[in-house]
Amino acid sequence: MKVVFASRTGNVESIVDRLGVDALQIQDGSETVNEDYIIFTYTDGYGDVPMEVEDFLKGNSEHLKGVVVSGDTGYGEAYCQAGDKIADEYHVECLYKVENDGTDDDIEEIKKLIQ
């Protein structure tokens, strides 16, 4: 399964790097993917989907199979809401929520999910 990701602070990029998979990084949302993929994203602001991720999904949602989202529990109920919003809007599952760049256990669980 293809991995597509967006990272602003480096947390999501760290997760993807630790997975050891070939991945497409979303820079501005104009990228395209023509195969099934899981999107890895961060949560922006107070529970928002990052703008570049919204732009990317508008043109690439047909192959979206799931979401993995990073967030900070310090934001309370907004924790990882970007993943929930994407899952609801595009009728896919939010597969995993991870605190910042995750623990080694998180990485192992995510590896199992994307295989």
PDB file of N, CA and C in Angstrom:
ATOM      1  N   MET A   1       0.859  -1.186   0.000  1.00  0.00           N
ATOM      2  CA  MET A   1       0.000   0.000   0.000  1.00  0.00           C
ATOM      3  C   MET A   1       0.895   1.237   0.000  1.00  0.00           C
ATOM      4  N   LYS A   2       0.610   2.156  -0.871  1.00  0.00           N
ATOM      5  CA  LYS A   2       1.356   3.405  -0.968  1.00  0.00           C
ATOM      6  C   LYS A   2       1.115   4.249   0.283  1.00  0.00           C
ATOM      7  N   VAL A   3       2.131   4.953   0.728  1.00  0.00           N
ATOM      8  CA  VAL A   3       2.018   5.898   1.835  1.00  0.00           C
ATOM      9  C   VAL A   3       2.199   7.301   1.271  1.00  0.00           C
ATOM     10  N   VAL A   4       1.262   8.176   1.611  1.00  0.00           N
ATOM     11  CA  VAL A   4       1.320   9.579   1.237  1.00  0.00           C
ATOM     12  C   VAL A   4       1.276  10.358   2.545  1.00  0.00           C
ATOM     13  N   PHE A   5       2.112  11.389   2.683  1.00  0.00           N
ATOM     14  CA  PHE A   5       2.128  12.086   3.966  1.00  0.00           C
ATOM     15  C   PHE A   5       2.363  13.576   3.829  1.00  0.00           C
ATOM     16  N   ALA A   6       1.907  14.286   4.867  1.00  0.00           N
ATOM     17  CA  ALA A   6       2.187  15.706   5.032  1.00  0.00           C
ATOM     18  C   ALA A   6       2.748  15.889   6.430  1.00  0.00           C
ATOM     19  N   SER A   7       3.780  16.712   6.527  1.00  0.00           N
ATOM     20  CA  SER A   7       4.421  16.945   7.815  1.00  0.00           C
ATOM     21  C   SER A   7       4.865  18.393   7.886  1.00  0.00           C
ATOM     22  N   ARG A   8       4.500  19.067   8.964  1.00  0.00           N
ATOM     23  CA  ARG A   8       4.945  20.453   9.128  1.00  0.00           C
ATOM     24  C   ARG A   8       6.078  20.556  10.138  1.00  0.00           C
ATOM     25  N   THR A   9       5.941  19.907  11.290  1.00  0.00           N
ATOM     26  CA  THR A   9       6.949  20.017  12.344  1.00  0.00           C
ATOM     27  C   THR A   9       7.970  18.889  12.298  1.00  0.00           C
ATOM     28  N   GLY A  10       7.741  17.906  11.446  1.00  0.00           N
ATOM     29  CA  GLY A  10       8.659  16.785  11.333  1.00  0.00           C
ATOM     30  C   GLY A  10       8.174  15.518  12.019  1.00  0.00           C
ATOM     31  N   ASN A  11       7.098  15.588  12.800  1.00  0.00           N
ATOM     32  CA  ASN A  11       6.604  14.398  13.493  1.00  0.00           C
ATOM     33  C   ASN A  11       6.145  13.319  12.516  1.00  0.00           C
ATOM     34  N   VAL A  12       5.319  13.696  11.548  1.00  0.00           N
ATOM     35  CA  VAL A  12       4.805  12.705  10.596  1.00  0.00           C
ATOM     36  C   VAL A  12       5.946  12.192   9.715  1.00  0.00           C
ATOM     37  N   GLU A  13       6.830  13.064   9.319  1.00  0.00           N
ATOM     38  CA  GLU A  13       7.974  12.629   8.521  1.00  0.00           C
ATOM     39  C   GLU A  13       8.811  11.607   9.300  1.00  0.00           C
ATOM     40  N   SER A  14       8.990  11.830  10.591  1.00  0.00           N
ATOM     41  CA  SER A  14       9.729  10.886  11.436  1.00  0.00           C
ATOM     42  C   SER A  14       9.034   9.529  11.481  1.00  0.00           C
ATOM     43  N   ILE A  15       7.714   9.538  11.611  1.00  0.00           N
ATOM     44  CA  ILE A  15       6.946   8.284  11.620  1.00  0.00           C
ATOM     45  C   ILE A  15       7.181   7.525  10.320  1.00  0.00           C
ATOM     46  N   VAL A  16       7.015   8.215   9.197  1.00  0.00           N
ATOM     47  CA  VAL A  16       7.157   7.580   7.882  1.00  0.00           C
ATOM     48  C   VAL A  16       8.589   7.073   7.692  1.00  0.00           C
ATOM     49  N   ASP A  17       9.579   7.862   8.093  1.00  0.00           N
ATOM     50  CA  ASP A  17      10.974   7.427   7.976  1.00  0.00           C
ATOM     51  C   ASP A  17      11.215   6.143   8.767  1.00  0.00           C
ATOM     52  N   ARG A  18      10.658   6.080   9.968  1.00  0.00           N
ATOM     53  CA  ARG A  18      10.851   4.907  10.831  1.00  0.00           C
ATOM     54  C   ARG A  18      10.113   3.679  10.304  1.00  0.00           C
ATOM     55  N   LEU A  19       9.106   3.890   9.465  1.00  0.00           N
ATOM     56  CA  LEU A  19       8.409   2.762   8.846  1.00  0.00           C
ATOM     57  C   LEU A  19       9.261   2.118   7.758  1.00  0.00           C
ATOM     58  N   GLY A  20      10.172   2.892   7.186  1.00  0.00           N
ATOM     59  CA  GLY A  20      11.043   2.369   6.152  1.00  0.00           C
ATOM     60  C   GLY A  20      10.338   2.066   4.845  1.00  0.00           C
ATOM     61  N   VAL A  21       9.343   2.873   4.509  1.00  0.00           N
ATOM     62  CA  VAL A  21       8.579   2.660   3.277  1.00  0.00           C
ATOM     63  C   VAL A  21       8.841   3.794   2.290  1.00  0.00           C
ATOM     64  N   ASP A  22       8.644   3.478   1.012  1.00  0.00           N
ATOM     65  CA  ASP A  22       8.690   4.498  -0.020  1.00  0.00           C
ATOM     66  C   ASP A  22       7.416   5.321   0.109  1.00  0.00           C
ATOM     67  N   ALA A  23       7.554   6.627   0.166  1.00  0.00           N
ATOM     68  CA  ALA A  23       6.380   7.465   0.400  1.00  0.00           C
ATOM     69  C   ALA A  23       6.430   8.733  -0.444  1.00  0.00           C
ATOM     70  N   LEU A  24       5.249   9.259  -0.710  1.00  0.00           N
ATOM     71  CA  LEU A  24       5.099  10.524  -1.423  1.00  0.00           C
ATOM     72  C   LEU A  24       4.782  11.602  -0.396  1.00  0.00           C
ATOM     73  N   GLN A  25       5.591  12.653  -0.360  1.00  0.00           N
ATOM     74  CA  GLN A  25       5.323  13.750   0.560  1.00  0.00           C
ATOM     75  C   GLN A  25       4.491  14.821  -0.132  1.00  0.00           C
ATOM     76  N   ILE A  26       3.446  15.232   0.527  1.00  0.00           N
ATOM     77  CA  ILE A  26       2.608  16.327   0.027  1.00  0.00           C
ATOM     78  C   ILE A  26       3.306  17.637   0.385  1.00  0.00           C
ATOM     79  N   GLN A  27       3.600  18.415  -0.628  1.00  0.00           N
ATOM     80  CA  GLN A  27       4.220  19.726  -0.411  1.00  0.00           C
ATOM     81  C   GLN A  27       3.176  20.836  -0.444  1.00  0.00           C
ATOM     82  N   ASP A  28       2.390  20.865  -1.538  1.00  0.00           N
ATOM     83  CA  ASP A  28       1.414  21.950  -1.691  1.00  0.00           C
ATOM     84  C   ASP A  28       0.015  21.452  -2.069  1.00  0.00           C
ATOM     85  N   GLY A  29      -0.147  20.154  -2.181  1.00  0.00           N
ATOM     86  CA  GLY A  29      -1.463  19.598  -2.506  1.00  0.00           C
ATOM     87  C   GLY A  29      -1.689  19.336  -3.968  1.00  0.00           C
ATOM     88  N   SER A  30      -0.743  19.719  -4.814  1.00  0.00           N
ATOM     89  CA  SER A  30      -0.916  19.519  -6.259  1.00  0.00           C
ATOM     90  C   SER A  30      -0.411  18.155  -6.727  1.00  0.00           C
ATOM     91  N   GLU A  31       0.176  17.385  -5.822  1.00  0.00           N
ATOM     92  CA  GLU A  31       0.707  16.070  -6.171  1.00  0.00           C
ATOM     93  C   GLU A  31      -0.438  15.134  -6.573  1.00  0.00           C
ATOM     94  N   THR A  32      -0.090  14.081  -7.294  1.00  0.00           N
ATOM     95  CA  THR A  32      -1.105  13.106  -7.684  1.00  0.00           C
ATOM     96  C   THR A  32      -0.620  11.699  -7.371  1.00  0.00           C
ATOM     97  N   VAL A  33      -1.585  10.813  -7.141  1.00  0.00           N
ATOM     98  CA  VAL A  33      -1.287   9.404  -6.910  1.00  0.00           C
ATOM     99  C   VAL A  33      -2.363   8.592  -7.626  1.00  0.00           C
ATOM    100  N   ASN A  34      -1.928   7.539  -8.322  1.00  0.00           N
ATOM    101  CA  ASN A  34      -2.858   6.740  -9.127  1.00  0.00           C
ATOM    102  C   ASN A  34      -2.920   5.297  -8.649  1.00  0.00           C
ATOM    103  N   GLU A  35      -2.727   5.104  -7.354  1.00  0.00           N
ATOM    104  CA  GLU A  35      -2.823   3.769  -6.768  1.00  0.00           C
ATOM    105  C   GLU A  35      -3.399   3.905  -5.362  1.00  0.00           C
ATOM    106  N   ASP A  36      -3.838   2.801  -4.798  1.00  0.00           N
ATOM    107  CA  ASP A  36      -4.394   2.831  -3.450  1.00  0.00           C
ATOM    108  C   ASP A  36      -3.335   3.305  -2.465  1.00  0.00           C
ATOM    109  N   TYR A  37      -3.775   4.143  -1.508  1.00  0.00           N
ATOM    110  CA  TYR A  37      -2.829   4.694  -0.548  1.00  0.00           C
ATOM    111  C   TYR A  37      -3.489   4.960   0.801  1.00  0.00           C
ATOM    112  N   ILE A  38      -2.625   5.075   1.797  1.00  0.00           N
ATOM    113  CA  ILE A  38      -3.016   5.525   3.130  1.00  0.00           C
ATOM    114  C   ILE A  38      -2.359   6.877   3.327  1.00  0.00           C
ATOM    115  N   ILE A  39      -3.125   7.836   3.818  1.00  0.00           N
ATOM    116  CA  ILE A  39      -2.562   9.161   4.052  1.00  0.00           C
ATOM    117  C   ILE A  39      -2.179   9.302   5.522  1.00  0.00           C
ATOM    118  N   PHE A  40      -1.003   9.857   5.736  1.00  0.00           N
ATOM    119  CA  PHE A  40      -0.500  10.186   7.065  1.00  0.00           C
ATOM    120  C   PHE A  40      -0.496  11.704   7.158  1.00  0.00           C
ATOM    121  N   THR A  41      -1.138  12.245   8.175  1.00  0.00           N
ATOM    122  CA  THR A  41      -1.226  13.688   8.290  1.00  0.00           C
ATOM    123  C   THR A  41      -1.066  14.129   9.735  1.00  0.00           C
ATOM    124  N   TYR A  42      -0.807  15.397   9.880  1.00  0.00           N
ATOM    125  CA  TYR A  42      -0.809  16.025  11.191  1.00  0.00           C
ATOM    126  C   TYR A  42      -2.143  16.730  11.377  1.00  0.00           C
ATOM    127  N   THR A  43      -2.400  17.170  12.587  1.00  0.00           N
ATOM    128  CA  THR A  43      -3.589  17.965  12.866  1.00  0.00           C
ATOM    129  C   THR A  43      -3.142  19.413  12.982  1.00  0.00           C
ATOM    130  N   ASP A  44      -3.792  20.289  12.255  1.00  0.00           N
ATOM    131  CA  ASP A  44      -3.433  21.699  12.227  1.00  0.00           C
ATOM    132  C   ASP A  44      -4.338  22.475  13.180  1.00  0.00           C
ATOM    133  N   GLY A  45      -3.819  23.578  13.701  1.00  0.00           N
ATOM    134  CA  GLY A  45      -4.636  24.446  14.537  1.00  0.00           C
ATOM    135  C   GLY A  45      -5.297  23.683  15.668  1.00  0.00           C
ATOM    136  N   TYR A  46      -6.589  23.881  15.809  1.00  0.00           N
ATOM    137  CA  TYR A  46      -7.342  23.215  16.869  1.00  0.00           C
ATOM    138  C   TYR A  46      -8.249  22.151  16.257  1.00  0.00           C
ATOM    139  N   GLY A  47      -7.623  21.124  15.673  1.00  0.00           N
ATOM    140  CA  GLY A  47      -8.370  20.007  15.118  1.00  0.00           C
ATOM    141  C   GLY A  47      -8.641  20.086  13.632  1.00  0.00           C
ATOM    142  N   ASP A  48      -7.908  20.913  12.918  1.00  0.00           N
ATOM    143  CA  ASP A  48      -8.170  21.128  11.488  1.00  0.00           C
ATOM    144  C   ASP A  48      -7.322  20.223  10.590  1.00  0.00           C
ATOM    145  N   VAL A  49      -7.866  19.952   9.408  1.00  0.00           N
ATOM    146  CA  VAL A  49      -7.123  19.261   8.360  1.00  0.00           C
ATOM    147  C   VAL A  49      -6.211  20.301   7.703  1.00  0.00           C
ATOM    148  N   PRO A  50      -4.927  20.005   7.560  1.00  0.00           N
ATOM    149  CA  PRO A  50      -4.021  20.957   6.904  1.00  0.00           C
ATOM    150  C   PRO A  50      -4.493  21.291   5.484  1.00  0.00           C
ATOM    151  N   MET A  51      -4.303  22.541   5.090  1.00  0.00           N
ATOM    152  CA  MET A  51      -4.791  23.009   3.790  1.00  0.00           C
ATOM    153  C   MET A  51      -4.208  22.197   2.638  1.00  0.00           C
ATOM    154  N   GLU A  52      -2.901  21.879   2.684  1.00  0.00           N
ATOM    155  CA  GLU A  52      -2.302  21.137   1.581  1.00  0.00           C
ATOM    156  C   GLU A  52      -2.879  19.721   1.489  1.00  0.00           C
ATOM    157  N   VAL A  53      -3.290  19.163   2.629  1.00  0.00           N
ATOM    158  CA  VAL A  53      -3.913  17.836   2.632  1.00  0.00           C
ATOM    159  C   VAL A  53      -5.313  17.920   2.032  1.00  0.00           C
ATOM    160  N   GLU A  54      -6.066  18.954   2.404  1.00  0.00           N
ATOM    161  CA  GLU A  54      -7.395  19.154   1.802  1.00  0.00           C
ATOM    162  C   GLU A  54      -7.281  19.272   0.287  1.00  0.00           C
ATOM    163  N   ASP A  55      -6.329  20.081  -0.169  1.00  0.00           N
ATOM    164  CA  ASP A  55      -6.139  20.271  -1.612  1.00  0.00           C
ATOM    165  C   ASP A  55      -5.772  18.946  -2.286  1.00  0.00           C
ATOM    166  N   PHE A  56      -4.870  18.197  -1.675  1.00  0.00           N
ATOM    167  CA  PHE A  56      -4.466  16.908  -2.231  1.00  0.00           C
ATOM    168  C   PHE A  56      -5.649  15.959  -2.328  1.00  0.00           C
ATOM    169  N   LEU A  57      -6.436  15.875  -1.272  1.00  0.00           N
ATOM    170  CA  LEU A  57      -7.561  14.935  -1.257  1.00  0.00           C
ATOM    171  C   LEU A  57      -8.638  15.288  -2.271  1.00  0.00           C
ATOM    172  N   LYS A  58      -8.821  16.561  -2.560  1.00  0.00           N
ATOM    173  CA  LYS A  58      -9.814  16.970  -3.559  1.00  0.00           C
ATOM    174  C   LYS A  58      -9.530  16.328  -4.912  1.00  0.00           C
ATOM    175  N   GLY A  59      -8.259  16.150  -5.239  1.00  0.00           N
ATOM    176  CA  GLY A  59      -7.909  15.584  -6.530  1.00  0.00           C
ATOM    177  C   GLY A  59      -7.514  14.118  -6.498  1.00  0.00           C
ATOM    178  N   ASN A  60      -7.432  13.526  -5.304  1.00  0.00           N
ATOM    179  CA  ASN A  60      -6.894  12.173  -5.196  1.00  0.00           C
ATOM    180  C   ASN A  60      -7.679  11.264  -4.252  1.00  0.00           C
ATOM    181  N   SER A  61      -8.914  11.567  -3.998  1.00  0.00           N
ATOM    182  CA  SER A  61      -9.655  10.807  -2.985  1.00  0.00           C
ATOM    183  C   SER A  61     -10.085   9.416  -3.447  1.00  0.00           C
ATOM    184  N   GLU A  62     -10.129   9.178  -4.754  1.00  0.00           N
ATOM    185  CA  GLU A  62     -10.660   7.895  -5.235  1.00  0.00           C
ATOM    186  C   GLU A  62      -9.829   6.691  -4.803  1.00  0.00           C
ATOM    187  N   HIS A  63      -8.543   6.903  -4.511  1.00  0.00           N
ATOM    188  CA  HIS A  63      -7.675   5.788  -4.116  1.00  0.00           C
ATOM    189  C   HIS A  63      -7.382   5.764  -2.610  1.00  0.00           C
ATOM    190  N   LEU A  64      -7.976   6.687  -1.864  1.00  0.00           N
ATOM    191  CA  LEU A  64      -7.750   6.772  -0.418  1.00  0.00           C
ATOM    192  C   LEU A  64      -8.364   5.567   0.285  1.00  0.00           C
ATOM    193  N   LYS A  65      -7.557   4.880   1.106  1.00  0.00           N
ATOM    194  CA  LYS A  65      -8.028   3.677   1.807  1.00  0.00           C
ATOM    195  C   LYS A  65      -8.031   3.819   3.324  1.00  0.00           C
ATOM    196  N   GLY A  66      -7.390   4.846   3.853  1.00  0.00           N
ATOM    197  CA  GLY A  66      -7.373   5.027   5.297  1.00  0.00           C
ATOM    198  C   GLY A  66      -6.493   6.198   5.694  1.00  0.00           C
ATOM    199  N   VAL A  67      -6.549   6.527   7.000  1.00  0.00           N
ATOM    200  CA  VAL A  67      -5.841   7.682   7.532  1.00  0.00           C
ATOM    201  C   VAL A  67      -5.071   7.278   8.787  1.00  0.00           C
ATOM    202  N   VAL A  68      -3.843   7.767   8.886  1.00  0.00           N
ATOM    203  CA  VAL A  68      -3.072   7.713  10.119  1.00  0.00           C
ATOM    204  C   VAL A  68      -2.786   9.173  10.463  1.00  0.00           C
ATOM    205  N   VAL A  69      -3.037   9.553  11.714  1.00  0.00           N
ATOM    206  CA  VAL A  69      -2.944  10.967  12.080  1.00  0.00           C
ATOM    207  C   VAL A  69      -2.102  11.165  13.333  1.00  0.00           C
ATOM    208  N   SER A  70      -1.340  12.232  13.303  1.00  0.00           N
ATOM    209  CA  SER A  70      -0.523  12.630  14.442  1.00  0.00           C
ATOM    210  C   SER A  70      -1.163  13.837  15.107  1.00  0.00           C
ATOM    211  N   GLY A  71      -1.044  13.881  16.417  1.00  0.00           N
ATOM    212  CA  GLY A  71      -1.569  15.013  17.158  1.00  0.00           C
ATOM    213  C   GLY A  71      -0.901  15.123  18.514  1.00  0.00           C
ATOM    214  N   ASP A  72      -1.386  16.066  19.293  1.00  0.00           N
ATOM    215  CA  ASP A  72      -0.846  16.322  20.619  1.00  0.00           C
ATOM    216  C   ASP A  72      -2.007  16.293  21.609  1.00  0.00           C
ATOM    217  N   THR A  73      -1.923  15.410  22.593  1.00  0.00           N
ATOM    218  CA  THR A  73      -3.025  15.282  23.561  1.00  0.00           C
ATOM    219  C   THR A  73      -3.234  16.557  24.368  1.00  0.00           C
ATOM    220  N   GLY A  74      -2.273  17.466  24.320  1.00  0.00           N
ATOM    221  CA  GLY A  74      -2.427  18.745  24.991  1.00  0.00           C
ATOM    222  C   GLY A  74      -3.574  19.583  24.419  1.00  0.00           C
ATOM    223  N   TYR A  75      -4.067  19.218  23.237  1.00  0.00           N
ATOM    224  CA  TYR A  75      -5.182  19.932  22.617  1.00  0.00           C
ATOM    225  C   TYR A  75      -6.531  19.348  23.009  1.00  0.00           C
ATOM    226  N   GLY A  76      -6.536  18.430  23.958  1.00  0.00           N
ATOM    227  CA  GLY A  76      -7.792  17.887  24.483  1.00  0.00           C
ATOM    228  C   GLY A  76      -8.616  17.192  23.424  1.00  0.00           C
ATOM    229  N   GLU A  77      -9.885  17.575  23.322  1.00  0.00           N
ATOM    230  CA  GLU A  77     -10.786  16.891  22.388  1.00  0.00           C
ATOM    231  C   GLU A  77     -10.458  17.162  20.925  1.00  0.00           C
ATOM    232  N   ALA A  78      -9.586  18.109  20.644  1.00  0.00           N
ATOM    233  CA  ALA A  78      -9.148  18.357  19.264  1.00  0.00           C
ATOM    234  C   ALA A  78      -8.033  17.400  18.848  1.00  0.00           C
ATOM    235  N   TYR A  79      -7.569  16.553  19.781  1.00  0.00           N
ATOM    236  CA  TYR A  79      -6.485  15.614  19.507  1.00  0.00           C
ATOM    237  C   TYR A  79      -6.813  14.756  18.291  1.00  0.00           C
ATOM    238  N   CYS A  80      -5.981  14.853  17.273  1.00  0.00           N
ATOM    239  CA  CYS A  80      -6.068  14.041  16.054  1.00  0.00           C
ATOM    240  C   CYS A  80      -7.387  14.188  15.292  1.00  0.00           C
ATOM    241  N   GLN A  81      -8.097  15.281  15.497  1.00  0.00           N
ATOM    242  CA  GLN A  81      -9.377  15.456  14.807  1.00  0.00           C
ATOM    243  C   GLN A  81      -9.249  15.525  13.292  1.00  0.00           C
ATOM    244  N   ALA A  82      -8.092  15.904  12.781  1.00  0.00           N
ATOM    245  CA  ALA A  82      -7.924  15.924  11.321  1.00  0.00           C
ATOM    246  C   ALA A  82      -8.190  14.543  10.749  1.00  0.00           C
ATOM    247  N   GLY A  83      -7.728  13.510  11.419  1.00  0.00           N
ATOM    248  CA  GLY A  83      -7.965  12.138  10.958  1.00  0.00           C
ATOM    249  C   GLY A  83      -9.432  11.778  10.972  1.00  0.00           C
ATOM    250  N   ASP A  84     -10.132  12.176  12.024  1.00  0.00           N
ATOM    251  CA  ASP A  84     -11.571  11.907  12.107  1.00  0.00           C
ATOM    252  C   ASP A  84     -12.336  12.633  11.002  1.00  0.00           C
ATOM    253  N   LYS A  85     -11.946  13.870  10.744  1.00  0.00           N
ATOM    254  CA  LYS A  85     -12.628  14.662   9.708  1.00  0.00           C
ATOM    255  C   LYS A  85     -12.419  14.060   8.322  1.00  0.00           C
ATOM    256  N   ILE A  86     -11.187  13.636   8.033  1.00  0.00           N
ATOM    257  CA  ILE A  86     -10.908  13.003   6.742  1.00  0.00           C
ATOM    258  C   ILE A  86     -11.688  11.700   6.627  1.00  0.00           C
ATOM    259  N   ALA A  87     -11.671  10.893   7.676  1.00  0.00           N
ATOM    260  CA  ALA A  87     -12.384   9.611   7.669  1.00  0.00           C
ATOM    261  C   ALA A  87     -13.873   9.826   7.409  1.00  0.00           C
ATOM    262  N   ASP A  88     -14.462  10.800   8.066  1.00  0.00           N
ATOM    263  CA  ASP A  88     -15.892  11.080   7.880  1.00  0.00           C
ATOM    264  C   ASP A  88     -16.199  11.571   6.471  1.00  0.00           C
ATOM    265  N   GLU A  89     -15.401  12.517   6.001  1.00  0.00           N
ATOM    266  CA  GLU A  89     -15.678  13.120   4.695  1.00  0.00           C
ATOM    267  C   GLU A  89     -15.481  12.146   3.537  1.00  0.00           C
ATOM    268  N   TYR A  90     -14.480  11.274   3.652  1.00  0.00           N
ATOM    269  CA  TYR A  90     -14.138  10.397   2.529  1.00  0.00           C
ATOM    270  C   TYR A  90     -14.531   8.937   2.765  1.00  0.00           C
ATOM    271  N   HIS A  91     -15.261   8.687   3.852  1.00  0.00           N
ATOM    272  CA  HIS A  91     -15.807   7.349   4.147  1.00  0.00           C
ATOM    273  C   HIS A  91     -14.733   6.270   4.182  1.00  0.00           C
ATOM    274  N   VAL A  92     -13.657   6.580   4.907  1.00  0.00           N
ATOM    275  CA  VAL A  92     -12.588   5.618   5.153  1.00  0.00           C
ATOM    276  C   VAL A  92     -12.371   5.544   6.656  1.00  0.00           C
ATOM    277  N   GLU A  93     -11.553   4.603   7.068  1.00  0.00           N
ATOM    278  CA  GLU A  93     -11.297   4.427   8.490  1.00  0.00           C
ATOM    279  C   GLU A  93     -10.091   5.264   8.933  1.00  0.00           C
ATOM    280  N   CYS A  94     -10.224   5.861  10.118  1.00  0.00           N
ATOM    281  CA  CYS A  94      -9.063   6.454  10.763  1.00  0.00           C
ATOM    282  C   CYS A  94      -8.358   5.285  11.438  1.00  0.00           C
ATOM    283  N   LEU A  95      -7.260   4.841  10.846  1.00  0.00           N
ATOM    284  CA  LEU A  95      -6.607   3.597  11.229  1.00  0.00           C
ATOM    285  C   LEU A  95      -5.804   3.697  12.519  1.00  0.00           C
ATOM    286  N   TYR A  96      -5.216   4.877  12.773  1.00  0.00           N
ATOM    287  CA  TYR A  96      -4.344   4.989  13.939  1.00  0.00           C
ATOM    288  C   TYR A  96      -4.139   6.460  14.285  1.00  0.00           C
ATOM    289  N   LYS A  97      -4.179   6.742  15.582  1.00  0.00           N
ATOM    290  CA  LYS A  97      -3.871   8.079  16.096  1.00  0.00           C
ATOM    291  C   LYS A  97      -2.603   7.965  16.922  1.00  0.00           C
ATOM    292  N   VAL A  98      -1.667   8.859  16.664  1.00  0.00           N
ATOM    293  CA  VAL A  98      -0.364   8.786  17.314  1.00  0.00           C
ATOM    294  C   VAL A  98      -0.007  10.123  17.949  1.00  0.00           C
ATOM    295  N   GLU A  99       0.533  10.058  19.144  1.00  0.00           N
ATOM    296  CA  GLU A  99       1.000  11.251  19.848  1.00  0.00           C
ATOM    297  C   GLU A  99       2.323  11.696  19.237  1.00  0.00           C
ATOM    298  N   ASN A 100       2.325  12.900  18.677  1.00  0.00           N
ATOM    299  CA  ASN A 100       3.523  13.493  18.079  1.00  0.00           C
ATOM    300  C   ASN A 100       4.198  12.531  17.099  1.00  0.00           C
ATOM    301  N   ASP A 101       5.454  12.099  17.351  1.00  0.00           N
ATOM    302  CA  ASP A 101       6.092  11.191  16.388  1.00  0.00           C
ATOM    303  C   ASP A 101       6.047   9.740  16.831  1.00  0.00           C
ATOM    304  N   GLY A 102       5.296   9.453  17.877  1.00  0.00           N
ATOM    305  CA  GLY A 102       5.024   8.083  18.265  1.00  0.00           C
ATOM    306  C   GLY A 102       6.145   7.374  18.992  1.00  0.00           C
ATOM    307  N   THR A 103       5.783   6.247  19.566  1.00  0.00           N
ATOM    308  CA  THR A 103       6.729   5.382  20.252  1.00  0.00           C
ATOM    309  C   THR A 103       7.117   4.245  19.311  1.00  0.00           C
ATOM    310  N   ASP A 104       8.086   3.460  19.715  1.00  0.00           N
ATOM    311  CA  ASP A 104       8.459   2.289  18.922  1.00  0.00           C
ATOM    312  C   ASP A 104       7.272   1.332  18.788  1.00  0.00           C
ATOM    313  N   ASP A 105       6.469   1.211  19.848  1.00  0.00           N
ATOM    314  CA  ASP A 105       5.268   0.363  19.784  1.00  0.00           C
ATOM    315  C   ASP A 105       4.278   0.888  18.746  1.00  0.00           C
ATOM    316  N   ASP A 106       4.106   2.209  18.697  1.00  0.00           N
ATOM    317  CA  ASP A 106       3.215   2.799  17.682  1.00  0.00           C
ATOM    318  C   ASP A 106       3.702   2.435  16.286  1.00  0.00           C
ATOM    319  N   ILE A 107       4.992   2.549  16.057  1.00  0.00           N
ATOM    320  CA  ILE A 107       5.555   2.270  14.731  1.00  0.00           C
ATOM    321  C   ILE A 107       5.291   0.815  14.355  1.00  0.00           C
ATOM    322  N   GLU A 108       5.475  -0.100  15.289  1.00  0.00           N
ATOM    323  CA  GLU A 108       5.225  -1.519  15.008  1.00  0.00           C
ATOM    324  C   GLU A 108       3.755  -1.763  14.671  1.00  0.00           C
ATOM    325  N   GLU A 109       2.836  -1.120  15.388  1.00  0.00           N
ATOM    326  CA  GLU A 109       1.408  -1.288  15.112  1.00  0.00           C
ATOM    327  C   GLU A 109       1.055  -0.713  13.735  1.00  0.00           C
ATOM    328  N   ILE A 110       1.622   0.431  13.397  1.00  0.00           N
ATOM    329  CA  ILE A 110       1.346   1.042  12.100  1.00  0.00           C
ATOM    330  C   ILE A 110       1.898   0.167  10.976  1.00  0.00           C
ATOM    331  N   LYS A 111       3.082  -0.422  11.175  1.00  0.00           N
ATOM    332  CA  LYS A 111       3.642  -1.336  10.164  1.00  0.00           C
ATOM    333  C   LYS A 111       2.675  -2.465   9.863  1.00  0.00           C
ATOM    334  N   LYS A 112       2.061  -3.016  10.899  1.00  0.00           N
ATOM    335  CA  LYS A 112       1.106  -4.105  10.706  1.00  0.00           C
ATOM    336  C   LYS A 112      -0.099  -3.629   9.898  1.00  0.00           C
ATOM    337  N   LEU A 113      -0.554  -2.411  10.157  1.00  0.00           N
ATOM    338  CA  LEU A 113      -1.737  -1.875   9.475  1.00  0.00           C
ATOM    339  C   LEU A 113      -1.513  -1.668   7.978  1.00  0.00           C
ATOM    340  N   ILE A 114      -0.317  -1.248   7.617  1.00  0.00           N
ATOM    341  CA  ILE A 114      -0.115  -0.882   6.203  1.00  0.00           C
ATOM    342  C   ILE A 114       0.342  -2.055   5.348  1.00  0.00           C
ATOM    343  N   GLN A 115       0.569  -3.205   5.939  1.00  0.00           N
ATOM    344  CA  GLN A 115       0.987  -4.369   5.153  1.00  0.00           C
ATOM    345  C   GLN A 115      -0.195  -5.059   4.512  1.00  0.00           C
TER     346      GLN A 115
END
